[in-house]
Amino acid sequence: DMELRESGGGSVEAGGSLRLSCVGDGDTVSRHSMGWFRQVRGKAREGVASVGLDGHEMYLDSLRGRIAISRDSATDAVVLQMNALKPEDNGMYYCAARTLVGGSCQITERYYNRWGQGTQVTVSS
């Protein structure tokens, strides 16, 4: 089974950018629908962005315009570019994959069956 590894989290000032990356050990992420989720303080984990096998992208409406999900074929990674970061973006960001057959790509937790350990994003004001 594939294990997912996130990287790219860190500490930035408000207005800054981060590029999160997710790779798979034991499989290639290019074969699967992929998503990014986050858990910020006081809130349940929420879907941030997803990309299907057909390239269709979905985004959390409140973050649309500040984030972009993409596939990096050179590194076989799924990337989440985050710009204009705000303190309320503080939290743990998780990569997820659907390795099961079927279904339409979504940014809901139940759609995904493989999860990474997360990478911390800290935005200071």
PDB file of N, CA and C in Angstrom:
ATOM      1  N   ASP A   1       0.843  -1.191   0.000  1.00  0.00           N
ATOM      2  CA  ASP A   1       0.000   0.000   0.000  1.00  0.00           C
ATOM      3  C   ASP A   1       0.880   1.243   0.000  1.00  0.00           C
ATOM      4  N   MET A   2       0.345   2.254  -0.619  1.00  0.00           N
ATOM      5  CA  MET A   2       1.087   3.498  -0.714  1.00  0.00           C
ATOM      6  C   MET A   2       1.076   4.257   0.604  1.00  0.00           C
ATOM      7  N   GLU A   3       2.217   4.790   0.957  1.00  0.00           N
ATOM      8  CA  GLU A   3       2.317   5.715   2.081  1.00  0.00           C
ATOM      9  C   GLU A   3       2.607   7.095   1.508  1.00  0.00           C
ATOM     10  N   LEU A   4       1.932   8.085   2.056  1.00  0.00           N
ATOM     11  CA  LEU A   4       2.073   9.446   1.575  1.00  0.00           C
ATOM     12  C   LEU A   4       2.965  10.257   2.499  1.00  0.00           C
ATOM     13  N   ARG A   5       3.782  11.094   1.907  1.00  0.00           N
ATOM     14  CA  ARG A   5       4.670  11.967   2.686  1.00  0.00           C
ATOM     15  C   ARG A   5       4.510  13.398   2.224  1.00  0.00           C
ATOM     16  N   GLU A   6       4.169  14.259   3.170  1.00  0.00           N
ATOM     17  CA  GLU A   6       4.063  15.680   2.877  1.00  0.00           C
ATOM     18  C   GLU A   6       5.350  16.391   3.264  1.00  0.00           C
ATOM     19  N   SER A   7       5.597  17.481   2.583  1.00  0.00           N
ATOM     20  CA  SER A   7       6.721  18.341   2.934  1.00  0.00           C
ATOM     21  C   SER A   7       6.373  19.761   2.499  1.00  0.00           C
ATOM     22  N   GLY A   8       7.180  20.708   2.966  1.00  0.00           N
ATOM     23  CA  GLY A   8       7.010  22.085   2.545  1.00  0.00           C
ATOM     24  C   GLY A   8       6.347  22.998   3.547  1.00  0.00           C
ATOM     25  N   GLY A   9       5.857  22.431   4.636  1.00  0.00           N
ATOM     26  CA  GLY A   9       5.274  23.286   5.660  1.00  0.00           C
ATOM     27  C   GLY A   9       6.358  24.098   6.347  1.00  0.00           C
ATOM     28  N   GLY A  10       5.940  25.051   7.150  1.00  0.00           N
ATOM     29  CA  GLY A  10       6.893  25.876   7.866  1.00  0.00           C
ATOM     30  C   GLY A  10       6.236  27.119   8.409  1.00  0.00           C
ATOM     31  N   SER A  11       7.065  28.070   8.766  1.00  0.00           N
ATOM     32  CA  SER A  11       6.582  29.327   9.350  1.00  0.00           C
ATOM     33  C   SER A  11       6.819  30.469   8.385  1.00  0.00           C
ATOM     34  N   VAL A  12       5.786  31.243   8.155  1.00  0.00           N
ATOM     35  CA  VAL A  12       5.889  32.414   7.292  1.00  0.00           C
ATOM     36  C   VAL A  12       5.120  33.563   7.916  1.00  0.00           C
ATOM     37  N   GLU A  13       5.392  34.751   7.452  1.00  0.00           N
ATOM     38  CA  GLU A  13       4.628  35.908   7.881  1.00  0.00           C
ATOM     39  C   GLU A  13       3.374  36.022   7.023  1.00  0.00           C
ATOM     40  N   ALA A  14       2.390  36.689   7.575  1.00  0.00           N
ATOM     41  CA  ALA A  14       1.158  36.922   6.826  1.00  0.00           C
ATOM     42  C   ALA A  14       1.483  37.578   5.490  1.00  0.00           C
ATOM     43  N   GLY A  15       0.813  37.087   4.452  1.00  0.00           N
ATOM     44  CA  GLY A  15       1.079  37.575   3.106  1.00  0.00           C
ATOM     45  C   GLY A  15       2.077  36.740   2.344  1.00  0.00           C
ATOM     46  N   GLY A  16       2.757  35.858   3.056  1.00  0.00           N
ATOM     47  CA  GLY A  16       3.756  35.013   2.427  1.00  0.00           C
ATOM     48  C   GLY A  16       3.154  33.811   1.720  1.00  0.00           C
ATOM     49  N   SER A  17       4.023  32.989   1.181  1.00  0.00           N
ATOM     50  CA  SER A  17       3.600  31.816   0.410  1.00  0.00           C
ATOM     51  C   SER A  17       4.318  30.564   0.890  1.00  0.00           C
ATOM     52  N   LEU A  18       3.669  29.448   0.677  1.00  0.00           N
ATOM     53  CA  LEU A  18       4.268  28.149   0.916  1.00  0.00           C
ATOM     54  C   LEU A  18       3.875  27.207  -0.209  1.00  0.00           C
ATOM     55  N   ARG A  19       4.759  26.284  -0.482  1.00  0.00           N
ATOM     56  CA  ARG A  19       4.500  25.264  -1.500  1.00  0.00           C
ATOM     57  C   ARG A  19       4.596  23.907  -0.818  1.00  0.00           C
ATOM     58  N   LEU A  20       3.458  23.268  -0.648  1.00  0.00           N
ATOM     59  CA  LEU A  20       3.421  21.952  -0.033  1.00  0.00           C
ATOM     60  C   LEU A  20       3.518  20.892  -1.123  1.00  0.00           C
ATOM     61  N   SER A  21       4.211  19.815  -0.797  1.00  0.00           N
ATOM     62  CA  SER A  21       4.384  18.744  -1.758  1.00  0.00           C
ATOM     63  C   SER A  21       4.029  17.411  -1.110  1.00  0.00           C
ATOM     64  N   CYS A  22       3.514  16.504  -1.913  1.00  0.00           N
ATOM     65  CA  CYS A  22       3.127  15.187  -1.418  1.00  0.00           C
ATOM     66  C   CYS A  22       3.605  14.139  -2.413  1.00  0.00           C
ATOM     67  N   VAL A  23       4.340  13.152  -1.917  1.00  0.00           N
ATOM     68  CA  VAL A  23       4.786  12.040  -2.741  1.00  0.00           C
ATOM     69  C   VAL A  23       4.324  10.744  -2.110  1.00  0.00           C
ATOM     70  N   GLY A  24       4.305   9.698  -2.914  1.00  0.00           N
ATOM     71  CA  GLY A  24       3.880   8.404  -2.426  1.00  0.00           C
ATOM     72  C   GLY A  24       5.026   7.405  -2.413  1.00  0.00           C
ATOM     73  N   ASP A  25       5.158   6.667  -1.332  1.00  0.00           N
ATOM     74  CA  ASP A  25       6.114   5.571  -1.243  1.00  0.00           C
ATOM     75  C   ASP A  25       5.377   4.265  -1.497  1.00  0.00           C
ATOM     76  N   GLY A  26       5.846   3.506  -2.467  1.00  0.00           N
ATOM     77  CA  GLY A  26       5.194   2.249  -2.777  1.00  0.00           C
ATOM     78  C   GLY A  26       4.207   2.334  -3.923  1.00  0.00           C
ATOM     79  N   ASP A  27       3.992   3.526  -4.439  1.00  0.00           N
ATOM     80  CA  ASP A  27       3.072   3.715  -5.567  1.00  0.00           C
ATOM     81  C   ASP A  27       3.316   5.107  -6.117  1.00  0.00           C
ATOM     82  N   THR A  28       2.685   5.398  -7.226  1.00  0.00           N
ATOM     83  CA  THR A  28       2.839   6.710  -7.829  1.00  0.00           C
ATOM     84  C   THR A  28       1.547   7.500  -7.693  1.00  0.00           C
ATOM     85  N   VAL A  29       1.664   8.731  -7.252  1.00  0.00           N
ATOM     86  CA  VAL A  29       0.458   9.536  -7.028  1.00  0.00           C
ATOM     87  C   VAL A  29      -0.236   9.875  -8.340  1.00  0.00           C
ATOM     88  N   SER A  30       0.479   9.801  -9.455  1.00  0.00           N
ATOM     89  CA  SER A  30      -0.122  10.143 -10.738  1.00  0.00           C
ATOM     90  C   SER A  30      -1.240   9.169 -11.134  1.00  0.00           C
ATOM     91  N   ARG A  31      -1.317   8.052 -10.461  1.00  0.00           N
ATOM     92  CA  ARG A  31      -2.335   7.051 -10.772  1.00  0.00           C
ATOM     93  C   ARG A  31      -3.628   7.265  -9.998  1.00  0.00           C
ATOM     94  N   HIS A  32      -3.655   8.249  -9.121  1.00  0.00           N
ATOM     95  CA  HIS A  32      -4.773   8.376  -8.197  1.00  0.00           C
ATOM     96  C   HIS A  32      -5.328   9.780  -8.119  1.00  0.00           C
ATOM     97  N   SER A  33      -6.598   9.857  -7.763  1.00  0.00           N
ATOM     98  CA  SER A  33      -7.149  11.147  -7.368  1.00  0.00           C
ATOM     99  C   SER A  33      -6.511  11.553  -6.049  1.00  0.00           C
ATOM    100  N   MET A  34      -6.184  12.830  -5.938  1.00  0.00           N
ATOM    101  CA  MET A  34      -5.449  13.314  -4.774  1.00  0.00           C
ATOM    102  C   MET A  34      -6.134  14.529  -4.177  1.00  0.00           C
ATOM    103  N   GLY A  35      -5.965  14.669  -2.874  1.00  0.00           N
ATOM    104  CA  GLY A  35      -6.556  15.820  -2.214  1.00  0.00           C
ATOM    105  C   GLY A  35      -5.661  16.368  -1.129  1.00  0.00           C
ATOM    106  N   TRP A  36      -5.910  17.606  -0.784  1.00  0.00           N
ATOM    107  CA  TRP A  36      -5.267  18.240   0.365  1.00  0.00           C
ATOM    108  C   TRP A  36      -6.341  18.660   1.351  1.00  0.00           C
ATOM    109  N   PHE A  37      -6.059  18.412   2.613  1.00  0.00           N
ATOM    110  CA  PHE A  37      -6.963  18.759   3.695  1.00  0.00           C
ATOM    111  C   PHE A  37      -6.194  19.539   4.751  1.00  0.00           C
ATOM    112  N   ARG A  38      -6.927  20.192   5.620  1.00  0.00           N
ATOM    113  CA  ARG A  38      -6.258  20.871   6.724  1.00  0.00           C
ATOM    114  C   ARG A  38      -7.129  20.795   7.963  1.00  0.00           C
ATOM    115  N   GLN A  39      -6.453  20.875   9.094  1.00  0.00           N
ATOM    116  CA  GLN A  39      -7.158  20.995  10.365  1.00  0.00           C
ATOM    117  C   GLN A  39      -6.596  22.197  11.096  1.00  0.00           C
ATOM    118  N   VAL A  40      -7.422  23.184  11.238  1.00  0.00           N
ATOM    119  CA  VAL A  40      -7.026  24.383  11.957  1.00  0.00           C
ATOM    120  C   VAL A  40      -7.651  24.350  13.340  1.00  0.00           C
ATOM    121  N   ARG A  41      -7.110  25.134  14.245  1.00  0.00           N
ATOM    122  CA  ARG A  41      -7.532  25.074  15.647  1.00  0.00           C
ATOM    123  C   ARG A  41      -9.028  25.324  15.779  1.00  0.00           C
ATOM    124  N   GLY A  42      -9.660  24.446  16.526  1.00  0.00           N
ATOM    125  CA  GLY A  42     -11.071  24.646  16.828  1.00  0.00           C
ATOM    126  C   GLY A  42     -12.030  24.208  15.743  1.00  0.00           C
ATOM    127  N   LYS A  43     -11.495  23.643  14.660  1.00  0.00           N
ATOM    128  CA  LYS A  43     -12.359  23.236  13.571  1.00  0.00           C
ATOM    129  C   LYS A  43     -12.085  21.795  13.172  1.00  0.00           C
ATOM    130  N   ALA A  44     -13.062  21.179  12.573  1.00  0.00           N
ATOM    131  CA  ALA A  44     -12.883  19.833  12.047  1.00  0.00           C
ATOM    132  C   ALA A  44     -12.004  19.891  10.802  1.00  0.00           C
ATOM    133  N   ARG A  45     -11.422  18.765  10.458  1.00  0.00           N
ATOM    134  CA  ARG A  45     -10.603  18.715   9.246  1.00  0.00           C
ATOM    135  C   ARG A  45     -11.483  19.035   8.040  1.00  0.00           C
ATOM    136  N   GLU A  46     -10.945  19.838   7.140  1.00  0.00           N
ATOM    137  CA  GLU A  46     -11.730  20.243   5.970  1.00  0.00           C
ATOM    138  C   GLU A  46     -10.923  20.067   4.695  1.00  0.00           C
ATOM    139  N   GLY A  47     -11.630  19.792   3.619  1.00  0.00           N
ATOM    140  CA  GLY A  47     -10.987  19.651   2.337  1.00  0.00           C
ATOM    141  C   GLY A  47     -10.586  21.006   1.792  1.00  0.00           C
ATOM    142  N   VAL A  48      -9.375  21.080   1.243  1.00  0.00           N
ATOM    143  CA  VAL A  48      -8.832  22.328   0.721  1.00  0.00           C
ATOM    144  C   VAL A  48      -8.839  22.320  -0.800  1.00  0.00           C
ATOM    145  N   ALA A  49      -8.370  21.222  -1.374  1.00  0.00           N
ATOM    146  CA  ALA A  49      -8.293  21.126  -2.829  1.00  0.00           C
ATOM    147  C   ALA A  49      -8.182  19.664  -3.230  1.00  0.00           C
ATOM    148  N   SER A  50      -8.588  19.383  -4.461  1.00  0.00           N
ATOM    149  CA  SER A  50      -8.440  18.033  -4.988  1.00  0.00           C
ATOM    150  C   SER A  50      -8.160  18.111  -6.484  1.00  0.00           C
ATOM    151  N   VAL A  51      -7.547  17.041  -6.971  1.00  0.00           N
ATOM    152  CA  VAL A  51      -7.315  16.935  -8.408  1.00  0.00           C
ATOM    153  C   VAL A  51      -7.581  15.500  -8.828  1.00  0.00           C
ATOM    154  N   GLY A  52      -8.435  15.333  -9.827  1.00  0.00           N
ATOM    155  CA  GLY A  52      -8.790  14.012 -10.294  1.00  0.00           C
ATOM    156  C   GLY A  52      -7.836  13.499 -11.349  1.00  0.00           C
ATOM    157  N   LEU A  53      -8.070  12.275 -11.752  1.00  0.00           N
ATOM    158  CA  LEU A  53      -7.243  11.683 -12.790  1.00  0.00           C
ATOM    159  C   LEU A  53      -7.412  12.393 -14.126  1.00  0.00           C
ATOM    160  N   ASP A  54      -8.549  13.035 -14.306  1.00  0.00           N
ATOM    161  CA  ASP A  54      -8.782  13.788 -15.539  1.00  0.00           C
ATOM    162  C   ASP A  54      -8.271  15.217 -15.458  1.00  0.00           C
ATOM    163  N   GLY A  55      -7.643  15.551 -14.334  1.00  0.00           N
ATOM    164  CA  GLY A  55      -7.103  16.890 -14.160  1.00  0.00           C
ATOM    165  C   GLY A  55      -8.071  17.894 -13.582  1.00  0.00           C
ATOM    166  N   HIS A  56      -9.316  17.444 -13.371  1.00  0.00           N
ATOM    167  CA  HIS A  56     -10.305  18.374 -12.822  1.00  0.00           C
ATOM    168  C   HIS A  56      -9.923  18.766 -11.397  1.00  0.00           C
ATOM    169  N   GLU A  57      -9.961  20.054 -11.128  1.00  0.00           N
ATOM    170  CA  GLU A  57      -9.573  20.580  -9.828  1.00  0.00           C
ATOM    171  C   GLU A  57     -10.802  21.095  -9.080  1.00  0.00           C
ATOM    172  N   MET A  58     -10.773  20.910  -7.772  1.00  0.00           N
ATOM    173  CA  MET A  58     -11.808  21.459  -6.915  1.00  0.00           C
ATOM    174  C   MET A  58     -11.148  22.183  -5.753  1.00  0.00           C
ATOM    175  N   TYR A  59     -11.801  23.232  -5.274  1.00  0.00           N
ATOM    176  CA  TYR A  59     -11.229  24.041  -4.198  1.00  0.00           C
ATOM    177  C   TYR A  59     -12.278  24.400  -3.162  1.00  0.00           C
ATOM    178  N   LEU A  60     -11.797  24.555  -1.926  1.00  0.00           N
ATOM    179  CA  LEU A  60     -12.625  25.119  -0.882  1.00  0.00           C
ATOM    180  C   LEU A  60     -12.921  26.559  -1.281  1.00  0.00           C
ATOM    181  N   ASP A  61     -14.172  26.906  -1.303  1.00  0.00           N
ATOM    182  CA  ASP A  61     -14.563  28.218  -1.819  1.00  0.00           C
ATOM    183  C   ASP A  61     -13.855  29.370  -1.110  1.00  0.00           C
ATOM    184  N   SER A  62     -13.686  29.267   0.196  1.00  0.00           N
ATOM    185  CA  SER A  62     -13.096  30.364   0.956  1.00  0.00           C
ATOM    186  C   SER A  62     -11.623  30.573   0.639  1.00  0.00           C
ATOM    187  N   LEU A  63     -10.995  29.601   0.009  1.00  0.00           N
ATOM    188  CA  LEU A  63      -9.571  29.703  -0.319  1.00  0.00           C
ATOM    189  C   LEU A  63      -9.326  29.904  -1.815  1.00  0.00           C
ATOM    190  N   ARG A  64     -10.393  29.822  -2.582  1.00  0.00           N
ATOM    191  CA  ARG A  64     -10.248  29.965  -4.036  1.00  0.00           C
ATOM    192  C   ARG A  64      -9.594  31.295  -4.366  1.00  0.00           C
ATOM    193  N   GLY A  65      -8.607  31.236  -5.246  1.00  0.00           N
ATOM    194  CA  GLY A  65      -7.873  32.438  -5.624  1.00  0.00           C
ATOM    195  C   GLY A  65      -6.552  32.577  -4.895  1.00  0.00           C
ATOM    196  N   ARG A  66      -6.412  31.894  -3.770  1.00  0.00           N
ATOM    197  CA  ARG A  66      -5.163  31.970  -3.008  1.00  0.00           C
ATOM    198  C   ARG A  66      -4.381  30.666  -3.076  1.00  0.00           C
ATOM    199  N   ILE A  67      -5.014  29.612  -3.539  1.00  0.00           N
ATOM    200  CA  ILE A  67      -4.336  28.318  -3.573  1.00  0.00           C
ATOM    201  C   ILE A  67      -4.457  27.705  -4.960  1.00  0.00           C
ATOM    202  N   ALA A  68      -3.545  26.790  -5.250  1.00  0.00           N
ATOM    203  CA  ALA A  68      -3.603  26.054  -6.508  1.00  0.00           C
ATOM    204  C   ALA A  68      -3.015  24.670  -6.301  1.00  0.00           C
ATOM    205  N   ILE A  69      -3.725  23.668  -6.781  1.00  0.00           N
ATOM    206  CA  ILE A  69      -3.236  22.294  -6.711  1.00  0.00           C
ATOM    207  C   ILE A  69      -2.747  21.891  -8.091  1.00  0.00           C
ATOM    208  N   SER A  70      -1.678  21.116  -8.128  1.00  0.00           N
ATOM    209  CA  SER A  70      -1.134  20.690  -9.408  1.00  0.00           C
ATOM    210  C   SER A  70      -0.382  19.384  -9.232  1.00  0.00           C
ATOM    211  N   ARG A  71      -0.147  18.750 -10.345  1.00  0.00           N
ATOM    212  CA  ARG A  71       0.667  17.541 -10.360  1.00  0.00           C
ATOM    213  C   ARG A  71       2.017  17.878 -10.976  1.00  0.00           C
ATOM    214  N   ASP A  72       3.067  17.449 -10.315  1.00  0.00           N
ATOM    215  CA  ASP A  72       4.430  17.663 -10.808  1.00  0.00           C
ATOM    216  C   ASP A  72       4.924  16.331 -11.337  1.00  0.00           C
ATOM    217  N   SER A  73       4.934  16.184 -12.634  1.00  0.00           N
ATOM    218  CA  SER A  73       5.310  14.894 -13.219  1.00  0.00           C
ATOM    219  C   SER A  73       6.794  14.585 -13.036  1.00  0.00           C
ATOM    220  N   ALA A  74       7.604  15.626 -12.920  1.00  0.00           N
ATOM    221  CA  ALA A  74       9.046  15.411 -12.777  1.00  0.00           C
ATOM    222  C   ALA A  74       9.393  14.727 -11.467  1.00  0.00           C
ATOM    223  N   THR A  75       8.655  15.056 -10.425  1.00  0.00           N
ATOM    224  CA  THR A  75       8.930  14.487  -9.107  1.00  0.00           C
ATOM    225  C   THR A  75       7.838  13.526  -8.651  1.00  0.00           C
ATOM    226  N   ASP A  76       6.836  13.320  -9.519  1.00  0.00           N
ATOM    227  CA  ASP A  76       5.688  12.493  -9.161  1.00  0.00           C
ATOM    228  C   ASP A  76       5.113  12.938  -7.826  1.00  0.00           C
ATOM    229  N   ALA A  77       4.769  14.183  -7.786  1.00  0.00           N
ATOM    230  CA  ALA A  77       4.230  14.773  -6.561  1.00  0.00           C
ATOM    231  C   ALA A  77       2.945  15.526  -6.875  1.00  0.00           C
ATOM    232  N   VAL A  78       2.176  15.740  -5.849  1.00  0.00           N
ATOM    233  CA  VAL A  78       1.038  16.645  -5.929  1.00  0.00           C
ATOM    234  C   VAL A  78       1.377  17.850  -5.073  1.00  0.00           C
ATOM    235  N   VAL A  79       1.240  19.002  -5.660  1.00  0.00           N
ATOM    236  CA  VAL A  79       1.693  20.241  -5.033  1.00  0.00           C
ATOM    237  C   VAL A  79       0.504  21.124  -4.679  1.00  0.00           C
ATOM    238  N   LEU A  80       0.580  21.738  -3.516  1.00  0.00           N
ATOM    239  CA  LEU A  80      -0.401  22.752  -3.131  1.00  0.00           C
ATOM    240  C   LEU A  80       0.349  24.064  -2.936  1.00  0.00           C
ATOM    241  N   GLN A  81       0.131  24.986  -3.840  1.00  0.00           N
ATOM    242  CA  GLN A  81       0.730  26.311  -3.739  1.00  0.00           C
ATOM    243  C   GLN A  81      -0.233  27.212  -2.985  1.00  0.00           C
ATOM    244  N   MET A  82       0.253  27.823  -1.925  1.00  0.00           N
ATOM    245  CA  MET A  82      -0.589  28.694  -1.117  1.00  0.00           C
ATOM    246  C   MET A  82       0.023  30.084  -1.068  1.00  0.00           C
ATOM    247  N   ASN A  83      -0.746  31.064  -1.430  1.00  0.00           N
ATOM    248  CA  ASN A  83      -0.280  32.451  -1.467  1.00  0.00           C
ATOM    249  C   ASN A  83      -1.121  33.325  -0.544  1.00  0.00           C
ATOM    250  N   ALA A  84      -0.607  34.513  -0.271  1.00  0.00           N
ATOM    251  CA  ALA A  84      -1.321  35.480   0.565  1.00  0.00           C
ATOM    252  C   ALA A  84      -1.814  34.826   1.848  1.00  0.00           C
ATOM    253  N   LEU A  85      -0.926  34.105   2.501  1.00  0.00           N
ATOM    254  CA  LEU A  85      -1.323  33.354   3.691  1.00  0.00           C
ATOM    255  C   LEU A  85      -1.746  34.284   4.820  1.00  0.00           C
ATOM    256  N   LYS A  86      -2.690  33.793   5.605  1.00  0.00           N
ATOM    257  CA  LYS A  86      -3.250  34.552   6.719  1.00  0.00           C
ATOM    258  C   LYS A  86      -3.065  33.755   8.010  1.00  0.00           C
ATOM    259  N   PRO A  87      -3.071  34.415   9.150  1.00  0.00           N
ATOM    260  CA  PRO A  87      -2.949  33.680  10.422  1.00  0.00           C
ATOM    261  C   PRO A  87      -4.017  32.604  10.585  1.00  0.00           C
ATOM    262  N   GLU A  88      -5.185  32.820  10.042  1.00  0.00           N
ATOM    263  CA  GLU A  88      -6.244  31.801  10.154  1.00  0.00           C
ATOM    264  C   GLU A  88      -5.970  30.567   9.303  1.00  0.00           C
ATOM    265  N   ASP A  89      -4.925  30.596   8.499  1.00  0.00           N
ATOM    266  CA  ASP A  89      -4.509  29.412   7.747  1.00  0.00           C
ATOM    267  C   ASP A  89      -3.613  28.495   8.571  1.00  0.00           C
ATOM    268  N   ASN A  90      -3.260  28.917   9.786  1.00  0.00           N
ATOM    269  CA  ASN A  90      -2.461  28.073  10.669  1.00  0.00           C
ATOM    270  C   ASN A  90      -3.112  26.721  10.856  1.00  0.00           C
ATOM    271  N   GLY A  91      -2.307  25.657  10.725  1.00  0.00           N
ATOM    272  CA  GLY A  91      -2.863  24.341  10.973  1.00  0.00           C
ATOM    273  C   GLY A  91      -2.007  23.246  10.378  1.00  0.00           C
ATOM    274  N   MET A  92      -2.504  22.044  10.508  1.00  0.00           N
ATOM    275  CA  MET A  92      -1.836  20.877   9.944  1.00  0.00           C
ATOM    276  C   MET A  92      -2.474  20.565   8.599  1.00  0.00           C
ATOM    277  N   TYR A  93      -1.637  20.390   7.613  1.00  0.00           N
ATOM    278  CA  TYR A  93      -2.118  20.124   6.263  1.00  0.00           C
ATOM    279  C   TYR A  93      -1.783  18.687   5.874  1.00  0.00           C
ATOM    280  N   TYR A  94      -2.788  18.001   5.364  1.00  0.00           N
ATOM    281  CA  TYR A  94      -2.659  16.581   5.045  1.00  0.00           C
ATOM    282  C   TYR A  94      -2.886  16.319   3.564  1.00  0.00           C
ATOM    283  N   CYS A  95      -2.120  15.373   3.070  1.00  0.00           N
ATOM    284  CA  CYS A  95      -2.306  14.880   1.715  1.00  0.00           C
ATOM    285  C   CYS A  95      -3.113  13.584   1.794  1.00  0.00           C
ATOM    286  N   ALA A  96      -3.966  13.375   0.800  1.00  0.00           N
ATOM    287  CA  ALA A  96      -4.784  12.170   0.778  1.00  0.00           C
ATOM    288  C   ALA A  96      -4.862  11.631  -0.645  1.00  0.00           C
ATOM    289  N   ALA A  97      -5.012  10.319  -0.733  1.00  0.00           N
ATOM    290  CA  ALA A  97      -5.130   9.652  -2.031  1.00  0.00           C
ATOM    291  C   ALA A  97      -6.294   8.676  -2.002  1.00  0.00           C
ATOM    292  N   ARG A  98      -6.911   8.532  -3.150  1.00  0.00           N
ATOM    293  CA  ARG A  98      -7.914   7.488  -3.311  1.00  0.00           C
ATOM    294  C   ARG A  98      -7.305   6.408  -4.188  1.00  0.00           C
ATOM    295  N   THR A  99      -6.997   5.263  -3.579  1.00  0.00           N
ATOM    296  CA  THR A  99      -6.410   4.160  -4.337  1.00  0.00           C
ATOM    297  C   THR A  99      -7.457   3.123  -4.715  1.00  0.00           C
ATOM    298  N   LEU A 100      -8.706   3.381  -4.323  1.00  0.00           N
ATOM    299  CA  LEU A 100      -9.796   2.479  -4.683  1.00  0.00           C
ATOM    300  C   LEU A 100     -10.279   2.804  -6.087  1.00  0.00           C
ATOM    301  N   VAL A 101     -10.903   1.833  -6.712  1.00  0.00           N
ATOM    302  CA  VAL A 101     -11.399   2.032  -8.072  1.00  0.00           C
ATOM    303  C   VAL A 101     -12.769   2.682  -8.029  1.00  0.00           C
ATOM    304  N   GLY A 102     -12.988   3.614  -8.951  1.00  0.00           N
ATOM    305  CA  GLY A 102     -14.301   4.213  -9.087  1.00  0.00           C
ATOM    306  C   GLY A 102     -14.481   5.466  -8.262  1.00  0.00           C
ATOM    307  N   GLY A 103     -15.637   6.088  -8.456  1.00  0.00           N
ATOM    308  CA  GLY A 103     -15.984   7.308  -7.739  1.00  0.00           C
ATOM    309  C   GLY A 103     -15.503   8.542  -8.466  1.00  0.00           C
ATOM    310  N   SER A 104     -16.195   9.629  -8.232  1.00  0.00           N
ATOM    311  CA  SER A 104     -15.815  10.906  -8.824  1.00  0.00           C
ATOM    312  C   SER A 104     -15.035  11.712  -7.812  1.00  0.00           C
ATOM    313  N   CYS A 105     -13.974  12.347  -8.248  1.00  0.00           N
ATOM    314  CA  CYS A 105     -13.083  13.071  -7.346  1.00  0.00           C
ATOM    315  C   CYS A 105     -13.845  14.118  -6.541  1.00  0.00           C
ATOM    316  N   GLN A 106     -13.559  14.143  -5.248  1.00  0.00           N
ATOM    317  CA  GLN A 106     -14.220  15.064  -4.332  1.00  0.00           C
ATOM    318  C   GLN A 106     -13.196  15.598  -3.345  1.00  0.00           C
ATOM    319  N   ILE A 107     -13.616  16.590  -2.555  1.00  0.00           N
ATOM    320  CA  ILE A 107     -12.766  17.011  -1.445  1.00  0.00           C
ATOM    321  C   ILE A 107     -13.495  16.755  -0.133  1.00  0.00           C
ATOM    322  N   THR A 108     -14.014  15.524  -0.021  1.00  0.00           N
ATOM    323  CA  THR A 108     -14.589  15.071   1.238  1.00  0.00           C
ATOM    324  C   THR A 108     -13.742  13.936   1.774  1.00  0.00           C
ATOM    325  N   GLU A 109     -13.627  13.866   3.083  1.00  0.00           N
ATOM    326  CA  GLU A 109     -12.735  12.889   3.690  1.00  0.00           C
ATOM    327  C   GLU A 109     -13.075  11.462   3.309  1.00  0.00           C
ATOM    328  N   ARG A 110     -14.329  11.126   3.232  1.00  0.00           N
ATOM    329  CA  ARG A 110     -14.713   9.733   3.032  1.00  0.00           C
ATOM    330  C   ARG A 110     -14.324   9.205   1.658  1.00  0.00           C
ATOM    331  N   TYR A 111     -14.003  10.103   0.756  1.00  0.00           N
ATOM    332  CA  TYR A 111     -13.618   9.682  -0.594  1.00  0.00           C
ATOM    333  C   TYR A 111     -12.218   9.071  -0.615  1.00  0.00           C
ATOM    334  N   TYR A 112     -11.381   9.443   0.344  1.00  0.00           N
ATOM    335  CA  TYR A 112      -9.975   9.056   0.323  1.00  0.00           C
ATOM    336  C   TYR A 112      -9.708   7.919   1.316  1.00  0.00           C
ATOM    337  N   ASN A 113      -8.779   7.055   0.955  1.00  0.00           N
ATOM    338  CA  ASN A 113      -8.475   5.924   1.830  1.00  0.00           C
ATOM    339  C   ASN A 113      -7.016   5.852   2.265  1.00  0.00           C
ATOM    340  N   ARG A 114      -6.171   6.749   1.779  1.00  0.00           N
ATOM    341  CA  ARG A 114      -4.786   6.805   2.205  1.00  0.00           C
ATOM    342  C   ARG A 114      -4.469   8.230   2.627  1.00  0.00           C
ATOM    343  N   TRP A 115      -3.748   8.353   3.757  1.00  0.00           N
ATOM    344  CA  TRP A 115      -3.483   9.675   4.325  1.00  0.00           C
ATOM    345  C   TRP A 115      -2.033   9.804   4.743  1.00  0.00           C
ATOM    346  N   GLY A 116      -1.498  10.997   4.580  1.00  0.00           N
ATOM    347  CA  GLY A 116      -0.174  11.282   5.101  1.00  0.00           C
ATOM    348  C   GLY A 116      -0.237  11.715   6.554  1.00  0.00           C
ATOM    349  N   GLN A 117       0.927  11.937   7.133  1.00  0.00           N
ATOM    350  CA  GLN A 117       1.012  12.331   8.541  1.00  0.00           C
ATOM    351  C   GLN A 117       0.792  13.823   8.748  1.00  0.00           C
ATOM    352  N   GLY A 118       0.887  14.577   7.690  1.00  0.00           N
ATOM    353  CA  GLY A 118       0.635  16.009   7.792  1.00  0.00           C
ATOM    354  C   GLY A 118       1.904  16.833   7.868  1.00  0.00           C
ATOM    355  N   THR A 119       1.771  18.082   7.489  1.00  0.00           N
ATOM    356  CA  THR A 119       2.859  19.044   7.606  1.00  0.00           C
ATOM    357  C   THR A 119       2.281  20.331   8.188  1.00  0.00           C
ATOM    358  N   GLN A 120       2.996  20.909   9.145  1.00  0.00           N
ATOM    359  CA  GLN A 120       2.484  22.060   9.883  1.00  0.00           C
ATOM    360  C   GLN A 120       2.724  23.356   9.119  1.00  0.00           C
ATOM    361  N   VAL A 121       1.694  24.163   9.067  1.00  0.00           N
ATOM    362  CA  VAL A 121       1.787  25.510   8.489  1.00  0.00           C
ATOM    363  C   VAL A 121       1.519  26.521   9.589  1.00  0.00           C
ATOM    364  N   THR A 122       2.457  27.441   9.767  1.00  0.00           N
ATOM    365  CA  THR A 122       2.313  28.481  10.795  1.00  0.00           C
ATOM    366  C   THR A 122       2.473  29.843  10.142  1.00  0.00           C
ATOM    367  N   VAL A 123       1.464  30.673  10.296  1.00  0.00           N
ATOM    368  CA  VAL A 123       1.472  32.010   9.705  1.00  0.00           C
ATOM    369  C   VAL A 123       1.396  33.026  10.834  1.00  0.00           C
ATOM    370  N   SER A 124       2.378  33.894  10.895  1.00  0.00           N
ATOM    371  CA  SER A 124       2.407  34.900  11.955  1.00  0.00           C
ATOM    372  C   SER A 124       1.914  36.240  11.416  1.00  0.00           C
ATOM    373  N   SER A 125       1.273  36.970  12.310  1.00  0.00           N
ATOM    374  CA  SER A 125       0.708  38.256  11.897  1.00  0.00           C
ATOM    375  C   SER A 125       1.717  39.375  12.038  1.00  0.00           C
TER     376      SER A 125
END
